[in-house]
């Protein structure tokens, strides 16, 4: 689980770069892609393949910052 202080720091960094961040720490697709270090097109492909971070589709598609961070953590690998 990601701590709120980390989420808050990332939210501020995204806002400073001009991304929308909701009061409950959701971001649009572009903000999620920024955090993941990928393009929005790659994120769309991952959604189509059902391998993307958990997202919310209520009007405009959004991602919780904590869900994106958990997605990244779940993909950490140890060197063999």
N, C-alpha and C. Protein backbone atom coordinates (compact mmCIF):
# COMPACT_ATOMS: atom_id res chain seq x y z
N UNK A 1 0.84 -1.18 0.00
CA UNK A 1 0.00 0.00 0.00
C UNK A 1 0.89 1.25 0.00
N UNK A 2 0.54 2.20 -0.81
CA UNK A 2 1.31 3.43 -0.92
C UNK A 2 0.86 4.43 0.15
N UNK A 3 1.81 5.07 0.81
CA UNK A 3 1.44 6.03 1.84
C UNK A 3 0.98 7.34 1.22
N UNK A 4 0.14 8.04 1.96
CA UNK A 4 -0.47 9.27 1.45
C UNK A 4 0.55 10.36 1.19
N UNK A 5 1.61 10.42 1.99
CA UNK A 5 2.63 11.45 1.77
C UNK A 5 3.28 11.29 0.40
N UNK A 6 3.52 10.05 0.00
CA UNK A 6 4.09 9.79 -1.32
C UNK A 6 3.12 10.21 -2.41
N UNK A 7 1.86 9.84 -2.26
CA UNK A 7 0.83 10.22 -3.23
C UNK A 7 0.75 11.74 -3.34
N UNK A 8 0.76 12.42 -2.20
CA UNK A 8 0.68 13.89 -2.20
C UNK A 8 1.86 14.52 -2.94
N UNK A 9 3.08 14.00 -2.72
CA UNK A 9 4.25 14.53 -3.41
C UNK A 9 4.13 14.33 -4.92
N UNK A 10 3.68 13.17 -5.32
CA UNK A 10 3.54 12.89 -6.75
C UNK A 10 2.43 13.75 -7.35
N UNK A 11 1.34 13.93 -6.62
CA UNK A 11 0.24 14.77 -7.10
C UNK A 11 0.73 16.20 -7.33
N UNK A 12 1.52 16.72 -6.41
CA UNK A 12 2.05 18.08 -6.57
C UNK A 12 2.98 18.16 -7.78
N UNK A 13 3.81 17.14 -7.97
CA UNK A 13 4.72 17.12 -9.12
C UNK A 13 3.92 17.11 -10.43
N UNK A 14 2.86 16.32 -10.48
CA UNK A 14 2.03 16.27 -11.69
C UNK A 14 1.32 17.60 -11.92
N UNK A 15 0.79 18.20 -10.86
CA UNK A 15 0.13 19.52 -11.00
C UNK A 15 1.11 20.55 -11.54
N UNK A 16 2.35 20.51 -11.03
CA UNK A 16 3.37 21.47 -11.47
C UNK A 16 3.67 21.31 -12.96
N UNK A 17 3.49 20.10 -13.48
CA UNK A 17 3.71 19.85 -14.91
C UNK A 17 2.46 20.11 -15.74
N UNK A 18 1.38 20.58 -15.08
CA UNK A 18 0.17 20.95 -15.79
C UNK A 18 -0.88 19.86 -15.90
N UNK A 19 -0.69 18.75 -15.19
CA UNK A 19 -1.68 17.68 -15.22
C UNK A 19 -2.80 17.96 -14.23
N UNK A 20 -4.00 17.52 -14.57
CA UNK A 20 -5.14 17.60 -13.67
C UNK A 20 -5.01 16.51 -12.62
N UNK A 21 -5.23 16.86 -11.36
CA UNK A 21 -5.26 15.90 -10.26
C UNK A 21 -6.49 16.23 -9.43
N UNK A 22 -7.36 15.24 -9.22
CA UNK A 22 -8.59 15.47 -8.47
C UNK A 22 -8.30 15.57 -6.97
N UNK A 23 -9.32 15.96 -6.22
CA UNK A 23 -9.18 16.04 -4.76
C UNK A 23 -8.92 14.68 -4.13
N UNK A 24 -9.36 13.60 -4.80
CA UNK A 24 -9.10 12.26 -4.28
C UNK A 24 -7.96 11.57 -5.04
N UNK A 25 -7.07 12.38 -5.59
CA UNK A 25 -5.81 11.92 -6.19
C UNK A 25 -5.98 11.03 -7.42
N UNK A 26 -6.92 11.39 -8.27
CA UNK A 26 -7.05 10.72 -9.57
C UNK A 26 -6.44 11.60 -10.65
N UNK A 27 -5.94 10.96 -11.69
CA UNK A 27 -5.35 11.68 -12.82
C UNK A 27 -5.95 11.14 -14.11
N UNK A 28 -5.91 11.97 -15.14
CA UNK A 28 -6.33 11.52 -16.46
C UNK A 28 -5.26 10.60 -17.04
N UNK A 29 -5.56 10.04 -18.17
CA UNK A 29 -4.67 9.10 -18.84
C UNK A 29 -3.26 9.67 -19.04
N UNK A 30 -3.15 10.92 -19.42
CA UNK A 30 -1.83 11.52 -19.66
C UNK A 30 -1.00 11.56 -18.38
N UNK A 31 -1.64 11.84 -17.25
CA UNK A 31 -0.93 11.86 -15.98
C UNK A 31 -0.46 10.46 -15.58
N UNK A 32 -1.30 9.47 -15.81
CA UNK A 32 -0.91 8.09 -15.51
C UNK A 32 0.24 7.66 -16.41
N UNK A 33 0.17 8.00 -17.67
CA UNK A 33 1.26 7.65 -18.60
C UNK A 33 2.56 8.32 -18.17
N UNK A 34 2.48 9.54 -17.72
CA UNK A 34 3.67 10.25 -17.22
C UNK A 34 4.31 9.48 -16.06
N UNK A 35 3.48 9.05 -15.12
CA UNK A 35 3.99 8.28 -13.98
C UNK A 35 4.61 6.96 -14.41
N UNK A 36 4.01 6.33 -15.41
CA UNK A 36 4.49 5.03 -15.88
C UNK A 36 5.67 5.13 -16.83
N UNK A 37 5.92 6.32 -17.34
CA UNK A 37 7.02 6.49 -18.29
C UNK A 37 6.71 5.88 -19.64
N UNK A 38 5.44 5.93 -20.02
CA UNK A 38 5.03 5.38 -21.31
C UNK A 38 4.13 6.39 -22.01
N UNK A 39 3.75 6.09 -23.22
CA UNK A 39 2.83 6.96 -23.97
C UNK A 39 1.39 6.62 -23.61
N UNK A 40 0.48 7.53 -23.92
CA UNK A 40 -0.94 7.23 -23.71
C UNK A 40 -1.37 6.09 -24.63
N UNK A 41 -0.77 5.99 -25.79
CA UNK A 41 -1.08 4.89 -26.71
C UNK A 41 -0.71 3.54 -26.09
N UNK A 42 0.44 3.46 -25.46
CA UNK A 42 0.84 2.23 -24.78
C UNK A 42 -0.14 1.90 -23.67
N UNK A 43 -0.55 2.89 -22.91
CA UNK A 43 -1.52 2.69 -21.83
C UNK A 43 -2.84 2.17 -22.39
N UNK A 44 -3.27 2.69 -23.52
CA UNK A 44 -4.50 2.20 -24.17
C UNK A 44 -4.35 0.74 -24.59
N UNK A 45 -3.20 0.40 -25.13
CA UNK A 45 -2.95 -0.99 -25.53
C UNK A 45 -2.98 -1.91 -24.32
N UNK A 46 -2.39 -1.47 -23.21
CA UNK A 46 -2.41 -2.27 -21.99
C UNK A 46 -3.84 -2.46 -21.51
N UNK A 47 -4.68 -1.41 -21.59
CA UNK A 47 -6.09 -1.54 -21.18
C UNK A 47 -6.80 -2.55 -22.06
N UNK A 48 -6.57 -2.48 -23.37
CA UNK A 48 -7.21 -3.41 -24.30
C UNK A 48 -6.78 -4.85 -24.02
N UNK A 49 -5.55 -5.03 -23.57
CA UNK A 49 -5.02 -6.37 -23.26
C UNK A 49 -5.32 -6.75 -21.80
N UNK A 50 -6.00 -5.90 -21.08
CA UNK A 50 -6.34 -6.12 -19.67
C UNK A 50 -5.10 -6.29 -18.80
N UNK A 51 -4.06 -5.51 -19.10
CA UNK A 51 -2.84 -5.56 -18.31
C UNK A 51 -2.47 -4.19 -17.73
N UNK A 52 -3.36 -3.23 -17.85
CA UNK A 52 -3.12 -1.86 -17.36
C UNK A 52 -3.40 -1.76 -15.87
N UNK A 53 -2.95 -0.68 -15.25
CA UNK A 53 -3.35 -0.43 -13.86
C UNK A 53 -4.87 -0.33 -13.76
N UNK A 54 -5.38 -0.54 -12.57
CA UNK A 54 -6.82 -0.39 -12.33
C UNK A 54 -7.20 1.05 -12.67
N UNK A 55 -8.33 1.21 -13.37
CA UNK A 55 -8.78 2.55 -13.75
C UNK A 55 -10.25 2.72 -13.41
N UNK A 56 -10.71 3.96 -13.48
CA UNK A 56 -12.09 4.30 -13.17
C UNK A 56 -12.69 4.93 -14.42
N UNK A 57 -13.81 4.40 -14.85
CA UNK A 57 -14.50 4.99 -16.00
C UNK A 57 -15.86 5.49 -15.51
N UNK A 58 -15.88 6.73 -15.09
CA UNK A 58 -17.11 7.40 -14.67
C UNK A 58 -17.06 8.75 -15.36
N UNK A 59 -17.61 8.81 -16.55
CA UNK A 59 -17.39 9.98 -17.40
C UNK A 59 -16.03 9.79 -18.06
N UNK A 60 -15.11 10.66 -17.73
CA UNK A 60 -13.77 10.57 -18.29
C UNK A 60 -12.93 9.52 -17.53
N UNK A 61 -12.13 8.77 -18.24
CA UNK A 61 -11.32 7.72 -17.67
C UNK A 61 -10.24 8.32 -16.78
N UNK A 62 -10.11 7.80 -15.55
CA UNK A 62 -9.10 8.29 -14.62
C UNK A 62 -8.41 7.12 -13.93
N UNK A 63 -7.28 7.43 -13.35
CA UNK A 63 -6.50 6.46 -12.58
C UNK A 63 -6.18 7.07 -11.22
N UNK A 64 -6.27 6.28 -10.17
CA UNK A 64 -5.80 6.74 -8.86
C UNK A 64 -4.27 6.66 -8.87
N UNK A 65 -3.63 7.68 -8.37
CA UNK A 65 -2.17 7.68 -8.31
C UNK A 65 -1.69 6.45 -7.54
N UNK A 66 -2.34 6.11 -6.45
CA UNK A 66 -1.93 4.94 -5.66
C UNK A 66 -2.03 3.65 -6.48
N UNK A 67 -3.04 3.52 -7.34
CA UNK A 67 -3.18 2.32 -8.17
C UNK A 67 -2.05 2.23 -9.20
N UNK A 68 -1.64 3.37 -9.74
CA UNK A 68 -0.53 3.38 -10.70
C UNK A 68 0.77 2.98 -10.00
N UNK A 69 0.99 3.50 -8.78
CA UNK A 69 2.20 3.15 -8.04
C UNK A 69 2.20 1.66 -7.65
N UNK A 70 1.05 1.14 -7.27
CA UNK A 70 0.95 -0.29 -6.94
C UNK A 70 1.20 -1.15 -8.18
N UNK A 71 0.70 -0.70 -9.34
CA UNK A 71 0.96 -1.40 -10.60
C UNK A 71 2.45 -1.47 -10.87
N UNK A 72 3.15 -0.35 -10.68
CA UNK A 72 4.60 -0.33 -10.89
C UNK A 72 5.30 -1.27 -9.91
N UNK A 73 4.91 -1.23 -8.66
CA UNK A 73 5.54 -2.09 -7.65
C UNK A 73 5.32 -3.57 -7.96
N UNK A 74 4.18 -3.89 -8.53
CA UNK A 74 3.88 -5.30 -8.83
C UNK A 74 4.73 -5.83 -9.98
N UNK A 75 5.37 -4.94 -10.71
CA UNK A 75 6.19 -5.35 -11.85
C UNK A 75 7.68 -5.32 -11.56
N UNK A 76 8.03 -5.09 -10.31
CA UNK A 76 9.45 -5.10 -9.95
C UNK A 76 9.98 -6.51 -10.05
N UNK A 77 11.17 -6.64 -10.59
CA UNK A 77 11.82 -7.93 -10.72
C UNK A 77 13.20 -7.85 -10.09
N UNK A 78 13.60 -8.93 -9.51
CA UNK A 78 14.96 -9.03 -8.98
C UNK A 78 15.86 -9.57 -10.08
N UNK A 79 17.06 -9.07 -10.14
CA UNK A 79 18.02 -9.56 -11.13
C UNK A 79 18.36 -11.02 -10.80
N UNK A 80 18.50 -11.81 -11.84
CA UNK A 80 18.79 -13.24 -11.63
C UNK A 80 20.25 -13.45 -11.31
